[in-house]
Amino acid sequence: MATAAGAHDEDDLKLDSTFFVAFDLTHRALKSGLAQASDLSVTQYRVLVKLLAARTTGATQSSLGKLLALKPNVVTQAMNVLVDAGFATRSGGKADARVRTARITEAGVRHVAEANEAIVERLYALFPTEDAVHRAILEASIAAGASIDPPLGGDASSRYAASRALVSLELVKRGMEDALRTACGASLSECRVLQRLGEVNEPLRIGDLATQLQMTPVAIARAVDGLVGHAWAQRLASPHDRKAVFAAATPQGLRQQKIIVRTIDLLARTQLWSRLDDHQRRALARAWRVVIADMQARKEAERKAALGLLQPLE
């Protein structure tokens, strides 16, 4: 019995295509909340949140780059924007910009507070939080997402958890993109499509892939183009519907799909699950399943509502 439960737990933590849909939806909601309250880019906001973490001591630009996995020139550009906006200051180290100490200003602290509130609102709009259990899962998942990244000091660790979750998911996504490109030379979108084709092990229409992966048809078509170029997928046509284009994994693609799954699983264990305790891992997994279940329920409700509009053909 223990083995069966353990196997179930392991399945819960696998980053399959459904998990990626929830991850992507959550990530988009976080960015959407930021866009509503701030003119800062995600990268600039990530730097500002890190400066909030180092509010008492400040941080060098080189340390910010290491913490956020950003190139020095990217950090410099972000800092230029933050300083011009009055959200941060720089001092010292005139000979070497990398050792100049950066600090967040009071205006920067207020901006994080305002943006964080907007981010939380977007997350609550995404999750079905009318239910107390679902609301508790969402709150636990925000805390779990925030814990992926080193915690902030003082009361900021609890007050700005949604902002830290955005920083964390950005790090995880960038890590996934880099790892997959290194392992197989493909983009994250291409890998997600190939992952799904391998899971179903049958051809799927471009439109169905877009629906299942919550990506645009244009993005799916572009990803399929890339997979066809790698000889990992082929396009198929239906004799009954010339407009329908299907994608199917080739034998070479199915072999590549296994590499993708191993790469994702390894990165998830080292960069995601290992940074959370068991309670946080389960909370994040449950939260993402709730997102998918709610999304499917909404689509089913829309489908049934559309049935009521049907009329007889004359």
Foldseek 3Di string as FASTA:
>chain_A
DVVVVVVVLVVLLACALLNLLLLVVLLVLLQVLLVVQDPAHLLLLLLLVVLQLVAPPFDFLLVSCVQLVHDSVSSVVSVVVCVVVVQKDWDDDPVHSRGIGMHGDPVSVVSLLRSLVSSVVSLPVLFPVVDVVLVVLSLLQLLQLLLLGPAGDDPCRNSRSSSSSNSSSVSLQVVLQVLLCVQPNAGPLLLSLLSVLLVVVDKDWLVVSCVSNVHDSVSSVVSLVVCVVVVQKDWDADPVDRVTIIIHGDPVNNVVNVSSSVSSVVSCCPRNPVSGDPSSSVSNSVNSVSSSVVVVVVVVVVVVVVVVVDDDDD
